[in-house]
Amino acid sequence: MVYTDFVRGKTDFTASETSLAAYAALRQAASTTPKRGRYLFLERGEATNRRMPNEAELAEALTTLGFARVRPERLPVAQQIDLFAQADMVVGFLGAGLANVAWCQPGTLVYELVPSHHLNPCFLAMCIQGGLQYWADKVETGVAHEDHYTPASLPLPVGEIVSHAQALLHFRQKQIG
């Protein structure tokens, strides 16, 4: 994944101490289970923008690796915070659901699938700010123009994504012992 050199300043990649303290306080208040070990796949589901034609196939393949399928928008906020506070690894497409990585504990591994027609480093910045490990793959969508609405016309390379997720999962498991 290649991102611009233009956004390298402290302002872009450093969260205010107030923001970090607020995330931590909300995580502590909402999290009923301090344990870790959850692997989450964030589904786009019925989202109308940037739809991926074979997302369900990818979701099913990731469940065989132990990932839980999650649609954060269907959960109360406190449950979203608790769920992400328990995550050791999060896989998801660029989109609003990934904003929940704010609730992840430092060290959580985030694997973002970025559509080729909408490159946006916002979650890279969030991961840096939160002390999370960030990995990304650009997913070719077949969309020729830059926008954040158009659905993909190409199927996801499920085998490649699952293989990469498996390697990252193995990497993460070695880290936490």
N, C-alpha and C. Protein backbone atom coordinates (compact mmCIF):
# COMPACT_ATOMS: atom_id res chain seq x y z
N MET A 1 0.85 -1.16 0.00
CA MET A 1 0.00 0.00 0.00
C MET A 1 0.90 1.22 0.00
N VAL A 2 0.65 2.15 -0.86
CA VAL A 2 1.43 3.38 -0.94
C VAL A 2 0.52 4.54 -0.59
N TYR A 3 0.95 5.34 0.36
CA TYR A 3 0.22 6.54 0.72
C TYR A 3 1.11 7.75 0.47
N THR A 4 0.51 8.88 0.39
CA THR A 4 1.23 10.11 0.10
C THR A 4 2.19 10.50 1.21
N ASP A 5 3.28 11.15 0.83
CA ASP A 5 4.23 11.68 1.80
C ASP A 5 3.74 13.01 2.38
N PHE A 6 2.67 13.54 1.82
CA PHE A 6 2.19 14.85 2.21
C PHE A 6 1.65 14.90 3.63
N VAL A 7 1.16 13.81 4.15
CA VAL A 7 0.52 13.81 5.46
C VAL A 7 1.41 13.16 6.52
N ARG A 8 2.61 13.65 6.66
CA ARG A 8 3.53 13.07 7.64
C ARG A 8 3.70 13.91 8.90
N GLY A 9 3.03 14.99 9.01
CA GLY A 9 3.23 15.88 10.15
C GLY A 9 2.68 15.32 11.44
N LYS A 10 3.12 15.91 12.55
CA LYS A 10 2.67 15.48 13.87
C LYS A 10 1.15 15.57 13.98
N THR A 11 0.57 16.59 13.38
CA THR A 11 -0.87 16.76 13.45
C THR A 11 -1.62 15.59 12.85
N ASP A 12 -1.07 15.02 11.77
CA ASP A 12 -1.76 13.92 11.09
C ASP A 12 -1.68 12.60 11.84
N PHE A 13 -0.58 12.36 12.53
CA PHE A 13 -0.37 11.03 13.11
C PHE A 13 -0.24 11.03 14.62
N THR A 14 -0.60 12.09 15.27
CA THR A 14 -0.55 12.14 16.72
C THR A 14 -1.91 12.57 17.25
N ALA A 15 -2.49 11.73 18.07
CA ALA A 15 -3.77 12.08 18.69
C ALA A 15 -3.51 12.93 19.91
N SER A 16 -4.45 13.78 20.22
CA SER A 16 -4.30 14.59 21.42
C SER A 16 -4.39 13.67 22.64
N GLU A 17 -3.72 14.06 23.69
CA GLU A 17 -3.78 13.29 24.93
C GLU A 17 -5.22 13.21 25.43
N THR A 18 -5.99 14.26 25.19
CA THR A 18 -7.39 14.27 25.60
C THR A 18 -8.18 13.18 24.87
N SER A 19 -7.97 13.05 23.55
CA SER A 19 -8.67 12.02 22.78
C SER A 19 -8.29 10.63 23.26
N LEU A 20 -7.00 10.40 23.44
CA LEU A 20 -6.55 9.08 23.90
C LEU A 20 -7.12 8.75 25.28
N ALA A 21 -7.14 9.74 26.15
CA ALA A 21 -7.70 9.52 27.49
C ALA A 21 -9.20 9.23 27.42
N ALA A 22 -9.90 9.92 26.53
CA ALA A 22 -11.34 9.68 26.37
C ALA A 22 -11.61 8.27 25.85
N TYR A 23 -10.84 7.82 24.85
CA TYR A 23 -11.01 6.46 24.33
C TYR A 23 -10.77 5.44 25.44
N ALA A 24 -9.70 5.64 26.21
CA ALA A 24 -9.37 4.70 27.28
C ALA A 24 -10.47 4.68 28.35
N ALA A 25 -10.98 5.85 28.71
CA ALA A 25 -12.02 5.92 29.74
C ALA A 25 -13.31 5.25 29.26
N LEU A 26 -13.69 5.49 28.02
CA LEU A 26 -14.89 4.84 27.48
C LEU A 26 -14.70 3.34 27.37
N ARG A 27 -13.51 2.91 26.95
CA ARG A 27 -13.22 1.48 26.85
C ARG A 27 -13.32 0.83 28.23
N GLN A 28 -12.75 1.48 29.23
CA GLN A 28 -12.77 0.93 30.58
C GLN A 28 -14.20 0.90 31.14
N ALA A 29 -14.97 1.94 30.88
CA ALA A 29 -16.33 2.01 31.40
C ALA A 29 -17.25 0.99 30.73
N ALA A 30 -17.06 0.76 29.44
CA ALA A 30 -17.96 -0.13 28.70
C ALA A 30 -17.51 -1.58 28.68
N SER A 31 -16.24 -1.81 28.87
CA SER A 31 -15.72 -3.17 28.74
C SER A 31 -16.02 -3.96 30.00
N THR A 32 -16.82 -5.01 29.83
CA THR A 32 -17.18 -5.86 30.97
C THR A 32 -16.21 -7.02 31.11
N THR A 33 -15.46 -7.29 30.06
CA THR A 33 -14.56 -8.43 30.05
C THR A 33 -13.18 -7.98 29.59
N PRO A 34 -12.22 -7.87 30.50
CA PRO A 34 -10.91 -7.38 30.09
C PRO A 34 -10.09 -8.37 29.28
N LYS A 35 -10.59 -9.60 29.12
CA LYS A 35 -9.82 -10.61 28.39
C LYS A 35 -9.68 -10.23 26.92
N ARG A 36 -8.66 -10.77 26.31
CA ARG A 36 -8.41 -10.55 24.88
C ARG A 36 -8.63 -11.87 24.16
N GLY A 37 -8.31 -11.90 22.89
CA GLY A 37 -8.34 -13.15 22.15
C GLY A 37 -9.38 -13.23 21.05
N ARG A 38 -10.15 -12.17 20.82
CA ARG A 38 -11.17 -12.19 19.77
C ARG A 38 -10.54 -11.84 18.43
N TYR A 39 -11.01 -12.52 17.38
CA TYR A 39 -10.63 -12.21 16.00
C TYR A 39 -11.90 -11.78 15.29
N LEU A 40 -11.90 -10.56 14.77
CA LEU A 40 -13.11 -9.98 14.21
C LEU A 40 -12.98 -9.70 12.72
N PHE A 41 -14.00 -10.06 11.96
CA PHE A 41 -14.11 -9.65 10.56
C PHE A 41 -15.31 -8.73 10.46
N LEU A 42 -15.07 -7.49 10.05
CA LEU A 42 -16.13 -6.49 9.93
C LEU A 42 -16.75 -6.58 8.55
N GLU A 43 -17.98 -6.99 8.51
CA GLU A 43 -18.70 -7.10 7.24
C GLU A 43 -19.28 -5.74 6.84
N ARG A 44 -19.26 -5.46 5.54
CA ARG A 44 -19.93 -4.27 5.03
C ARG A 44 -21.42 -4.56 4.88
N GLY A 45 -21.74 -5.81 4.67
CA GLY A 45 -23.14 -6.23 4.63
C GLY A 45 -23.97 -5.47 3.62
N GLU A 46 -24.97 -4.80 4.11
CA GLU A 46 -25.92 -4.11 3.24
C GLU A 46 -25.51 -2.68 2.92
N ALA A 47 -24.29 -2.29 3.25
CA ALA A 47 -23.84 -0.94 2.90
C ALA A 47 -23.99 -0.74 1.40
N THR A 48 -24.49 0.41 1.02
CA THR A 48 -24.74 0.65 -0.40
C THR A 48 -23.50 1.17 -1.13
N ASN A 49 -22.58 1.75 -0.41
CA ASN A 49 -21.37 2.25 -1.07
C ASN A 49 -20.22 1.26 -0.93
N ARG A 50 -19.41 1.18 -1.96
CA ARG A 50 -18.23 0.31 -2.03
C ARG A 50 -18.56 -1.16 -1.75
N ARG A 51 -19.70 -1.61 -2.19
CA ARG A 51 -20.11 -3.01 -2.00
C ARG A 51 -19.12 -3.95 -2.70
N MET A 52 -18.80 -5.05 -2.06
CA MET A 52 -17.92 -6.07 -2.62
C MET A 52 -18.77 -7.28 -3.01
N PRO A 53 -18.71 -7.71 -4.27
CA PRO A 53 -19.66 -8.72 -4.76
C PRO A 53 -19.60 -10.08 -4.06
N ASN A 54 -18.45 -10.50 -3.59
CA ASN A 54 -18.37 -11.82 -2.96
C ASN A 54 -17.86 -11.74 -1.52
N GLU A 55 -18.30 -10.70 -0.83
CA GLU A 55 -17.91 -10.51 0.57
C GLU A 55 -18.33 -11.70 1.43
N ALA A 56 -19.50 -12.26 1.18
CA ALA A 56 -19.99 -13.39 1.99
C ALA A 56 -19.05 -14.59 1.88
N GLU A 57 -18.49 -14.81 0.70
CA GLU A 57 -17.53 -15.90 0.51
C GLU A 57 -16.28 -15.66 1.36
N LEU A 58 -15.80 -14.42 1.38
CA LEU A 58 -14.64 -14.09 2.21
C LEU A 58 -14.98 -14.28 3.68
N ALA A 59 -16.14 -13.80 4.10
CA ALA A 59 -16.54 -13.93 5.50
C ALA A 59 -16.58 -15.39 5.93
N GLU A 60 -17.14 -16.23 5.10
CA GLU A 60 -17.22 -17.65 5.42
C GLU A 60 -15.83 -18.27 5.54
N ALA A 61 -14.93 -17.91 4.63
CA ALA A 61 -13.56 -18.44 4.68
C ALA A 61 -12.83 -17.97 5.94
N LEU A 62 -13.04 -16.73 6.34
CA LEU A 62 -12.38 -16.22 7.54
C LEU A 62 -12.92 -16.88 8.81
N THR A 63 -14.18 -17.29 8.81
CA THR A 63 -14.71 -17.97 10.00
C THR A 63 -13.98 -19.29 10.24
N THR A 64 -13.47 -19.91 9.19
CA THR A 64 -12.73 -21.16 9.36
C THR A 64 -11.39 -20.93 10.07
N LEU A 65 -10.94 -19.67 10.10
CA LEU A 65 -9.71 -19.31 10.82
C LEU A 65 -10.01 -18.83 12.24
N GLY A 66 -11.29 -18.80 12.60
CA GLY A 66 -11.67 -18.39 13.94
C GLY A 66 -12.16 -16.96 14.06
N PHE A 67 -12.40 -16.30 12.93
CA PHE A 67 -12.90 -14.92 12.96
C PHE A 67 -14.40 -14.91 13.15
N ALA A 68 -14.87 -14.00 13.99
CA ALA A 68 -16.30 -13.78 14.17
C ALA A 68 -16.74 -12.71 13.18
N ARG A 69 -17.88 -12.94 12.54
CA ARG A 69 -18.44 -11.96 11.61
C ARG A 69 -19.18 -10.91 12.42
N VAL A 70 -18.85 -9.65 12.16
CA VAL A 70 -19.41 -8.56 12.97
C VAL A 70 -19.93 -7.45 12.06
N ARG A 71 -21.10 -6.95 12.41
CA ARG A 71 -21.63 -5.73 11.79
C ARG A 71 -21.84 -4.74 12.93
N PRO A 72 -20.82 -3.91 13.18
CA PRO A 72 -20.87 -3.03 14.35
C PRO A 72 -22.13 -2.17 14.43
N GLU A 73 -22.65 -1.74 13.29
CA GLU A 73 -23.81 -0.85 13.29
C GLU A 73 -25.05 -1.51 13.89
N ARG A 74 -25.04 -2.81 14.04
CA ARG A 74 -26.19 -3.53 14.62
C ARG A 74 -26.07 -3.69 16.14
N LEU A 75 -24.97 -3.23 16.70
CA LEU A 75 -24.72 -3.41 18.13
C LEU A 75 -24.84 -2.08 18.87
N PRO A 76 -25.28 -2.09 20.13
CA PRO A 76 -25.24 -0.87 20.94
C PRO A 76 -23.79 -0.42 21.10
N VAL A 77 -23.59 0.86 21.29
CA VAL A 77 -22.24 1.42 21.37
C VAL A 77 -21.42 0.73 22.46
N ALA A 78 -21.99 0.52 23.63
CA ALA A 78 -21.24 -0.12 24.72
C ALA A 78 -20.78 -1.52 24.32
N GLN A 79 -21.60 -2.24 23.57
CA GLN A 79 -21.22 -3.58 23.13
C GLN A 79 -20.12 -3.51 22.06
N GLN A 80 -20.17 -2.49 21.20
CA GLN A 80 -19.10 -2.30 20.22
C GLN A 80 -17.77 -2.05 20.93
N ILE A 81 -17.79 -1.19 21.93
CA ILE A 81 -16.57 -0.87 22.68
C ILE A 81 -16.02 -2.13 23.34
N ASP A 82 -16.88 -2.87 24.01
CA ASP A 82 -16.46 -4.09 24.70
C ASP A 82 -15.88 -5.11 23.72
N LEU A 83 -16.55 -5.30 22.60
CA LEU A 83 -16.10 -6.27 21.60
C LEU A 83 -14.72 -5.91 21.06
N PHE A 84 -14.52 -4.66 20.68
CA PHE A 84 -13.25 -4.25 20.11
C PHE A 84 -12.14 -4.19 21.16
N ALA A 85 -12.50 -3.95 22.41
CA ALA A 85 -11.50 -3.98 23.48
C ALA A 85 -10.95 -5.39 23.69
N GLN A 86 -11.71 -6.40 23.29
CA GLN A 86 -11.28 -7.80 23.43
C GLN A 86 -10.51 -8.31 22.21
N ALA A 87 -10.44 -7.52 21.15
CA ALA A 87 -9.87 -8.00 19.89
C ALA A 87 -8.35 -8.10 19.94
N ASP A 88 -7.84 -9.20 19.42
CA ASP A 88 -6.40 -9.33 19.15
C ASP A 88 -6.12 -9.02 17.69
N MET A 89 -7.13 -9.22 16.82
CA MET A 89 -6.96 -8.92 15.40
C MET A 89 -8.31 -8.53 14.81
N VAL A 90 -8.28 -7.51 13.96
CA VAL A 90 -9.47 -7.02 13.28
C VAL A 90 -9.18 -6.98 11.78
N VAL A 91 -10.07 -7.55 10.98
CA VAL A 91 -9.98 -7.50 9.53
C VAL A 91 -11.22 -6.79 9.02
N GLY A 92 -11.04 -5.83 8.13
CA GLY A 92 -12.20 -5.15 7.58
C GLY A 92 -11.86 -4.26 6.42
N PHE A 93 -12.91 -3.89 5.70
CA PHE A 93 -12.79 -2.97 4.58
C PHE A 93 -12.79 -1.54 5.08
N LEU A 94 -12.16 -0.68 4.33
CA LEU A 94 -12.23 0.74 4.61
C LEU A 94 -13.71 1.12 4.74
N GLY A 95 -14.05 1.76 5.83
CA GLY A 95 -15.43 2.16 6.05
C GLY A 95 -15.65 2.52 7.51
N ALA A 96 -16.83 3.02 7.79
CA ALA A 96 -17.15 3.53 9.12
C ALA A 96 -16.98 2.49 10.22
N GLY A 97 -17.23 1.23 9.92
CA GLY A 97 -17.09 0.19 10.94
C GLY A 97 -15.70 0.12 11.54
N LEU A 98 -14.69 0.45 10.73
CA LEU A 98 -13.32 0.40 11.23
C LEU A 98 -13.01 1.51 12.23
N ALA A 99 -13.87 2.51 12.34
CA ALA A 99 -13.66 3.55 13.35
C ALA A 99 -13.63 2.95 14.75
N ASN A 100 -14.22 1.77 14.90
CA ASN A 100 -14.22 1.09 16.19
C ASN A 100 -12.84 0.64 16.64
N VAL A 101 -11.83 0.72 15.78
CA VAL A 101 -10.48 0.38 16.23
C VAL A 101 -10.02 1.35 17.31
N ALA A 102 -10.72 2.46 17.47
CA ALA A 102 -10.42 3.38 18.57
C ALA A 102 -10.55 2.69 19.93
N TRP A 103 -11.37 1.63 19.99
CA TRP A 103 -11.61 0.93 21.25
C TRP A 103 -10.64 -0.23 21.47
N CYS A 104 -9.85 -0.55 20.47
CA CYS A 104 -8.89 -1.65 20.59
C CYS A 104 -7.77 -1.29 21.56
N GLN A 105 -7.25 -2.29 22.22
CA GLN A 105 -6.12 -2.08 23.11
C GLN A 105 -4.83 -2.00 22.30
N PRO A 106 -3.84 -1.25 22.79
CA PRO A 106 -2.57 -1.17 22.08
C PRO A 106 -2.03 -2.57 21.76
N GLY A 107 -1.47 -2.70 20.57
CA GLY A 107 -0.92 -3.98 20.13
C GLY A 107 -1.85 -4.78 19.25
N THR A 108 -3.15 -4.45 19.26
CA THR A 108 -4.10 -5.15 18.39
C THR A 108 -3.66 -5.02 16.94
N LEU A 109 -3.77 -6.09 16.19
CA LEU A 109 -3.40 -6.07 14.77
C LEU A 109 -4.63 -5.77 13.93
N VAL A 110 -4.52 -4.77 13.07
CA VAL A 110 -5.60 -4.36 12.18
C VAL A 110 -5.17 -4.61 10.74
N TYR A 111 -5.96 -5.38 10.00
CA TYR A 111 -5.69 -5.68 8.59
C TYR A 111 -6.82 -5.06 7.78
N GLU A 112 -6.50 -3.96 7.11
CA GLU A 112 -7.50 -3.21 6.35
C GLU A 112 -7.46 -3.60 4.88
N LEU A 113 -8.62 -3.81 4.30
CA LEU A 113 -8.77 -4.08 2.88
C LEU A 113 -9.25 -2.79 2.23
N VAL A 114 -8.37 -2.19 1.43
CA VAL A 114 -8.62 -0.86 0.88
C VAL A 114 -9.02 -0.97 -0.59
N PRO A 115 -10.20 -0.48 -0.96
CA PRO A 115 -10.62 -0.55 -2.36
C PRO A 115 -9.73 0.33 -3.23
N SER A 116 -9.36 -0.18 -4.40
CA SER A 116 -8.42 0.53 -5.27
C SER A 116 -8.96 1.87 -5.74
N HIS A 117 -10.25 2.08 -5.71
CA HIS A 117 -10.81 3.34 -6.18
C HIS A 117 -11.10 4.34 -5.05
N HIS A 118 -10.65 4.00 -3.84
CA HIS A 118 -10.83 4.95 -2.74
C HIS A 118 -9.72 4.75 -1.70
N LEU A 119 -8.53 5.21 -2.04
CA LEU A 119 -7.39 5.09 -1.12
C LEU A 119 -7.49 6.21 -0.10
N ASN A 120 -7.51 5.85 1.16
CA ASN A 120 -7.68 6.83 2.22
C ASN A 120 -6.91 6.33 3.45
N PRO A 121 -5.92 7.11 3.92
CA PRO A 121 -5.08 6.66 5.04
C PRO A 121 -5.65 6.92 6.42
N CYS A 122 -6.95 7.20 6.54
CA CYS A 122 -7.48 7.59 7.85
C CYS A 122 -7.31 6.51 8.91
N PHE A 123 -7.46 5.23 8.55
CA PHE A 123 -7.34 4.18 9.56
C PHE A 123 -5.89 3.85 9.88
N LEU A 124 -5.00 4.10 8.94
CA LEU A 124 -3.57 4.03 9.24
C LEU A 124 -3.26 5.03 10.34
N ALA A 125 -3.75 6.25 10.19
CA ALA A 125 -3.51 7.28 11.21
C ALA A 125 -4.12 6.88 12.55
N MET A 126 -5.34 6.36 12.55
CA MET A 126 -5.97 5.94 13.81
C MET A 126 -5.16 4.84 14.49
N CYS A 127 -4.64 3.91 13.70
CA CYS A 127 -3.87 2.81 14.27
C CYS A 127 -2.56 3.31 14.86
N ILE A 128 -1.90 4.21 14.17
CA ILE A 128 -0.67 4.80 14.71
C ILE A 128 -0.98 5.51 16.02
N GLN A 129 -2.05 6.29 16.03
CA GLN A 129 -2.43 7.04 17.23
C GLN A 129 -2.74 6.12 18.40
N GLY A 130 -3.34 4.97 18.13
CA GLY A 130 -3.76 4.07 19.20
C GLY A 130 -2.75 3.00 19.56
N GLY A 131 -1.57 3.03 18.94
CA GLY A 131 -0.56 2.01 19.24
C GLY A 131 -0.93 0.64 18.70
N LEU A 132 -1.68 0.61 17.60
CA LEU A 132 -2.11 -0.64 16.99
C LEU A 132 -1.15 -1.01 15.86
N GLN A 133 -1.10 -2.28 15.53
CA GLN A 133 -0.29 -2.75 14.40
C GLN A 133 -1.18 -2.71 13.16
N TYR A 134 -0.71 -2.05 12.11
CA TYR A 134 -1.52 -1.84 10.92
C TYR A 134 -0.92 -2.53 9.71
N TRP A 135 -1.76 -3.27 9.00
CA TRP A 135 -1.42 -3.89 7.72
C TRP A 135 -2.56 -3.58 6.76
N ALA A 136 -2.23 -3.42 5.49
CA ALA A 136 -3.28 -3.15 4.50
C ALA A 136 -2.95 -3.80 3.17
N ASP A 137 -3.98 -4.16 2.46
CA ASP A 137 -3.86 -4.61 1.08
C ASP A 137 -4.82 -3.79 0.24
N LYS A 138 -4.34 -3.35 -0.91
CA LYS A 138 -5.22 -2.68 -1.87
C LYS A 138 -5.95 -3.77 -2.63
N VAL A 139 -7.26 -3.67 -2.68
CA VAL A 139 -8.10 -4.65 -3.36
C VAL A 139 -8.56 -4.04 -4.68
N GLU A 140 -8.19 -4.67 -5.78
CA GLU A 140 -8.62 -4.18 -7.10
C GLU A 140 -10.13 -4.36 -7.22
N THR A 141 -10.79 -3.27 -7.62
CA THR A 141 -12.25 -3.28 -7.69
C THR A 141 -12.80 -3.21 -9.11
N GLY A 142 -11.95 -2.83 -10.07
CA GLY A 142 -12.43 -2.67 -11.44
C GLY A 142 -13.09 -1.33 -11.69
N VAL A 143 -13.08 -0.46 -10.69
CA VAL A 143 -13.66 0.87 -10.85
C VAL A 143 -12.53 1.80 -11.30
N ALA A 144 -12.74 2.49 -12.42
CA ALA A 144 -11.67 3.28 -13.03
C ALA A 144 -11.52 4.68 -12.44
N HIS A 145 -12.52 5.17 -11.76
CA HIS A 145 -12.45 6.54 -11.24
C HIS A 145 -12.42 6.53 -9.71
N GLU A 146 -11.82 7.56 -9.15
CA GLU A 146 -11.71 7.70 -7.69
C GLU A 146 -13.04 8.18 -7.12
N ASP A 147 -13.62 7.42 -6.24
CA ASP A 147 -14.78 7.87 -5.48
C ASP A 147 -14.99 6.94 -4.29
N HIS A 148 -15.92 7.28 -3.43
CA HIS A 148 -16.16 6.42 -2.26
C HIS A 148 -17.56 5.82 -2.24
N TYR A 149 -18.20 5.77 -3.40
CA TYR A 149 -19.55 5.21 -3.47
C TYR A 149 -19.67 3.96 -4.32
N THR A 150 -18.98 3.94 -5.44
CA THR A 150 -19.20 2.92 -6.46
C THR A 150 -18.89 1.51 -5.96
N PRO A 151 -19.81 0.55 -6.18
CA PRO A 151 -19.54 -0.84 -5.80
C PRO A 151 -18.45 -1.44 -6.69
N ALA A 152 -17.76 -2.41 -6.18
CA ALA A 152 -16.72 -3.11 -6.95
C ALA A 152 -17.38 -3.91 -8.06
N SER A 153 -16.68 -3.98 -9.19
CA SER A 153 -17.18 -4.82 -10.29
C SER A 153 -16.37 -6.11 -10.40
N LEU A 154 -15.26 -6.19 -9.69
CA LEU A 154 -14.44 -7.40 -9.69
C LEU A 154 -14.65 -8.15 -8.38
N PRO A 155 -14.60 -9.48 -8.42
CA PRO A 155 -14.71 -10.24 -7.17
C PRO A 155 -13.44 -10.10 -6.33
N LEU A 156 -13.59 -10.26 -5.06
CA LEU A 156 -12.44 -10.23 -4.15
C LEU A 156 -11.55 -11.45 -4.40
N PRO A 157 -10.23 -11.27 -4.27
CA PRO A 157 -9.33 -12.43 -4.36
C PRO A 157 -9.32 -13.15 -3.01
N VAL A 158 -10.37 -13.91 -2.75
CA VAL A 158 -10.59 -14.51 -1.44
C VAL A 158 -9.39 -15.33 -0.97
N GLY A 159 -8.85 -16.16 -1.84
CA GLY A 159 -7.71 -17.00 -1.45
C GLY A 159 -6.52 -16.18 -0.99
N GLU A 160 -6.20 -15.11 -1.71
CA GLU A 160 -5.08 -14.25 -1.34
C GLU A 160 -5.32 -13.56 0.00
N ILE A 161 -6.52 -13.04 0.17
CA ILE A 161 -6.84 -12.33 1.41
C ILE A 161 -6.80 -13.29 2.60
N VAL A 162 -7.37 -14.46 2.44
CA VAL A 162 -7.38 -15.45 3.53
C VAL A 162 -5.95 -15.89 3.84
N SER A 163 -5.14 -16.09 2.83
CA SER A 163 -3.75 -16.48 3.04
C SER A 163 -2.99 -15.40 3.81
N HIS A 164 -3.21 -14.15 3.43
CA HIS A 164 -2.54 -13.05 4.13
C HIS A 164 -3.07 -12.94 5.56
N ALA A 165 -4.38 -13.07 5.74
CA ALA A 165 -4.96 -13.02 7.09
C ALA A 165 -4.40 -14.14 7.96
N GLN A 166 -4.24 -15.32 7.38
CA GLN A 166 -3.70 -16.46 8.12
C GLN A 166 -2.26 -16.19 8.55
N ALA A 167 -1.45 -15.61 7.65
CA ALA A 167 -0.06 -15.28 7.99
C ALA A 167 -0.02 -14.22 9.09
N LEU A 168 -0.89 -13.22 9.00
CA LEU A 168 -0.94 -12.18 10.04
C LEU A 168 -1.43 -12.75 11.36
N LEU A 169 -2.39 -13.64 11.31
CA LEU A 169 -2.89 -14.29 12.51
C LEU A 169 -1.78 -15.09 13.19
N HIS A 170 -1.03 -15.82 12.41
CA HIS A 170 0.11 -16.58 12.94
C HIS A 170 1.13 -15.63 13.57
N PHE A 171 1.42 -14.53 12.89
CA PHE A 171 2.34 -13.51 13.40
C PHE A 171 1.84 -12.98 14.74
N ARG A 172 0.55 -12.66 14.81
CA ARG A 172 -0.04 -12.11 16.04
C ARG A 172 -0.01 -13.14 17.16
N GLN A 173 -0.32 -14.39 16.86
CA GLN A 173 -0.32 -15.43 17.89
C GLN A 173 1.08 -15.66 18.45
N LYS A 174 2.09 -15.56 17.61
CA LYS A 174 3.47 -15.68 18.10
C LYS A 174 3.82 -14.53 19.03
N GLN A 175 3.29 -13.34 18.75
CA GLN A 175 3.57 -12.18 19.59
C GLN A 175 2.99 -12.34 20.99
N ILE A 176 1.78 -12.85 21.05
CA ILE A 176 1.10 -12.90 22.35
C ILE A 176 1.35 -14.21 23.09
N GLY A 177 2.02 -15.15 22.41
CA GLY A 177 2.38 -16.41 23.05
C GLY A 177 1.25 -17.31 23.16
